[in-house]
Structures are given as structure tokens and as C-alpha cells.
Amino acid sequence: MEKNIFKIESEEYIVKNLRLKKALVEQGAKIAQTKNISFNKFVNIALEFAINHYEED
């Protein structure tokens, strides 16, 4: 009989202090609240999107 195992894989995170524009934080917080996610999760999604769509000059 095969045993099913519930496994949670964790990602590595670091703590970083950032200076962000007030308007961006307010807009991001509003979007995060609308989507029912944390502001931190929103920032990670936005940063990943920016990196994936970055084009060098």
C-alpha cells in the first residue's frame, strides 16, 4: 500500500528594508487588500513581474 505524504516545500526569504514612495505603497496596499493577499506577497509578485519583463537598453 502506497503511503501519501503531505509535504510543504518552503522558499528561502530574506528581510530587506526598502524606501518606497508613499503613493506606491498606498496603491499597492489597496490592490493587495482587494485581492485578499498580504502587501508583502503583492510586492514579491510585482517585483517578479518586473524582473521577468525587464528589457535591457
N, C-alpha and C. Protein backbone atom coordinates (compact mmCIF):
# COMPACT_ATOMS: atom_id res chain seq x y z
N MET A 1 0.85 -1.18 0.00
CA MET A 1 0.00 0.00 0.00
C MET A 1 0.89 1.25 0.00
N GLU A 2 0.62 2.15 -0.94
CA GLU A 2 1.40 3.38 -1.05
C GLU A 2 0.92 4.39 -0.01
N LYS A 3 1.90 5.01 0.66
CA LYS A 3 1.58 5.98 1.70
C LYS A 3 1.63 7.39 1.12
N ASN A 4 0.54 8.13 1.25
CA ASN A 4 0.50 9.52 0.81
C ASN A 4 1.13 10.40 1.89
N ILE A 5 1.99 11.30 1.46
CA ILE A 5 2.67 12.18 2.39
C ILE A 5 2.33 13.62 2.04
N PHE A 6 1.94 14.36 3.05
CA PHE A 6 1.66 15.78 2.90
C PHE A 6 2.97 16.51 3.12
N LYS A 7 3.48 17.15 2.08
CA LYS A 7 4.79 17.78 2.14
C LYS A 7 4.66 19.24 1.74
N ILE A 8 5.20 20.12 2.56
CA ILE A 8 5.20 21.54 2.27
C ILE A 8 6.64 21.95 2.02
N GLU A 9 6.89 22.45 0.81
CA GLU A 9 8.22 22.93 0.48
C GLU A 9 8.29 24.42 0.75
N SER A 10 9.32 24.83 1.43
CA SER A 10 9.44 26.25 1.76
C SER A 10 10.43 26.94 0.83
N GLU A 11 10.20 28.22 0.65
CA GLU A 11 11.10 29.04 -0.14
C GLU A 11 12.00 29.80 0.81
N GLU A 12 13.16 30.18 0.33
CA GLU A 12 14.07 30.97 1.14
C GLU A 12 13.74 32.44 0.99
N TYR A 13 13.66 33.13 2.11
CA TYR A 13 13.36 34.56 2.11
C TYR A 13 14.44 35.30 2.87
N ILE A 14 14.60 36.57 2.56
CA ILE A 14 15.47 37.45 3.33
C ILE A 14 14.66 38.68 3.73
N VAL A 15 15.10 39.34 4.78
CA VAL A 15 14.46 40.58 5.21
C VAL A 15 15.28 41.73 4.64
N LYS A 16 14.59 42.66 3.99
CA LYS A 16 15.26 43.79 3.35
C LYS A 16 14.45 45.05 3.66
N ASN A 17 15.12 46.07 4.12
CA ASN A 17 14.46 47.36 4.35
C ASN A 17 14.49 48.15 3.05
N LEU A 18 13.35 48.69 2.67
CA LEU A 18 13.24 49.45 1.43
C LEU A 18 12.64 50.82 1.70
N ARG A 19 13.05 51.79 0.95
CA ARG A 19 12.41 53.11 0.99
C ARG A 19 11.54 53.20 -0.26
N LEU A 20 10.23 53.26 -0.04
CA LEU A 20 9.28 53.25 -1.14
C LEU A 20 8.48 54.54 -1.15
N LYS A 21 8.05 54.93 -2.33
CA LYS A 21 7.22 56.13 -2.45
C LYS A 21 5.87 55.87 -1.78
N LYS A 22 5.41 56.86 -1.02
CA LYS A 22 4.16 56.74 -0.27
C LYS A 22 2.99 56.36 -1.18
N ALA A 23 2.88 57.02 -2.32
CA ALA A 23 1.77 56.76 -3.24
C ALA A 23 1.79 55.31 -3.74
N LEU A 24 2.99 54.78 -4.02
CA LEU A 24 3.08 53.39 -4.48
C LEU A 24 2.65 52.41 -3.39
N VAL A 25 3.06 52.69 -2.15
CA VAL A 25 2.67 51.83 -1.03
C VAL A 25 1.16 51.86 -0.85
N GLU A 26 0.58 53.04 -0.91
CA GLU A 26 -0.87 53.17 -0.75
C GLU A 26 -1.63 52.43 -1.86
N GLN A 27 -1.17 52.59 -3.11
CA GLN A 27 -1.82 51.90 -4.23
C GLN A 27 -1.63 50.39 -4.12
N GLY A 28 -0.42 49.97 -3.79
CA GLY A 28 -0.14 48.54 -3.65
C GLY A 28 -0.93 47.91 -2.52
N ALA A 29 -1.05 48.61 -1.41
CA ALA A 29 -1.82 48.10 -0.27
C ALA A 29 -3.29 47.95 -0.62
N LYS A 30 -3.80 48.91 -1.41
CA LYS A 30 -5.20 48.85 -1.83
C LYS A 30 -5.43 47.64 -2.74
N ILE A 31 -4.52 47.41 -3.67
CA ILE A 31 -4.63 46.26 -4.57
C ILE A 31 -4.54 44.96 -3.77
N ALA A 32 -3.57 44.89 -2.85
CA ALA A 32 -3.39 43.69 -2.04
C ALA A 32 -4.66 43.39 -1.24
N GLN A 33 -5.25 44.43 -0.66
CA GLN A 33 -6.47 44.23 0.12
C GLN A 33 -7.61 43.74 -0.77
N THR A 34 -7.72 44.32 -1.97
CA THR A 34 -8.77 43.91 -2.91
C THR A 34 -8.62 42.44 -3.30
N LYS A 35 -7.36 42.00 -3.47
CA LYS A 35 -7.09 40.62 -3.89
C LYS A 35 -6.95 39.66 -2.70
N ASN A 36 -7.11 40.21 -1.49
CA ASN A 36 -7.02 39.41 -0.26
C ASN A 36 -5.66 38.71 -0.11
N ILE A 37 -4.59 39.45 -0.37
CA ILE A 37 -3.23 38.96 -0.17
C ILE A 37 -2.48 39.97 0.69
N SER A 38 -1.38 39.55 1.26
CA SER A 38 -0.59 40.47 2.07
C SER A 38 0.13 41.47 1.16
N PHE A 39 0.47 42.61 1.74
CA PHE A 39 1.24 43.60 0.99
C PHE A 39 2.59 43.00 0.59
N ASN A 40 3.19 42.22 1.46
CA ASN A 40 4.47 41.57 1.17
C ASN A 40 4.35 40.65 -0.06
N LYS A 41 3.28 39.88 -0.11
CA LYS A 41 3.04 38.99 -1.26
C LYS A 41 2.88 39.82 -2.53
N PHE A 42 2.15 40.92 -2.43
CA PHE A 42 1.96 41.80 -3.58
C PHE A 42 3.30 42.33 -4.10
N VAL A 43 4.16 42.78 -3.18
CA VAL A 43 5.47 43.31 -3.58
C VAL A 43 6.29 42.22 -4.25
N ASN A 44 6.27 41.00 -3.74
CA ASN A 44 7.00 39.90 -4.37
C ASN A 44 6.48 39.61 -5.77
N ILE A 45 5.17 39.61 -5.94
CA ILE A 45 4.57 39.37 -7.26
C ILE A 45 4.96 40.49 -8.23
N ALA A 46 4.88 41.74 -7.76
CA ALA A 46 5.20 42.88 -8.63
C ALA A 46 6.67 42.88 -9.02
N LEU A 47 7.55 42.57 -8.07
CA LEU A 47 8.98 42.54 -8.36
C LEU A 47 9.32 41.40 -9.33
N GLU A 48 8.70 40.25 -9.13
CA GLU A 48 8.93 39.12 -10.04
C GLU A 48 8.45 39.47 -11.45
N PHE A 49 7.30 40.12 -11.56
CA PHE A 49 6.78 40.55 -12.86
C PHE A 49 7.75 41.52 -13.53
N ALA A 50 8.23 42.50 -12.77
CA ALA A 50 9.16 43.50 -13.31
C ALA A 50 10.45 42.84 -13.81
N ILE A 51 10.97 41.91 -13.06
CA ILE A 51 12.20 41.21 -13.47
C ILE A 51 11.96 40.38 -14.72
N ASN A 52 10.84 39.69 -14.77
CA ASN A 52 10.54 38.83 -15.93
C ASN A 52 10.26 39.62 -17.21
N HIS A 53 9.90 40.88 -17.07
CA HIS A 53 9.57 41.70 -18.24
C HIS A 53 10.59 42.81 -18.47
N TYR A 54 11.71 42.73 -17.81
CA TYR A 54 12.77 43.73 -17.94
C TYR A 54 13.50 43.56 -19.27
N GLU A 55 13.69 44.66 -19.97
CA GLU A 55 14.44 44.65 -21.22
C GLU A 55 15.61 45.59 -21.09
N GLU A 56 16.79 45.11 -21.36
CA GLU A 56 17.97 45.98 -21.31
C GLU A 56 17.99 46.88 -22.53
N ASP A 57 18.52 48.08 -22.35
CA ASP A 57 18.62 49.03 -23.45
C ASP A 57 19.71 48.62 -24.42
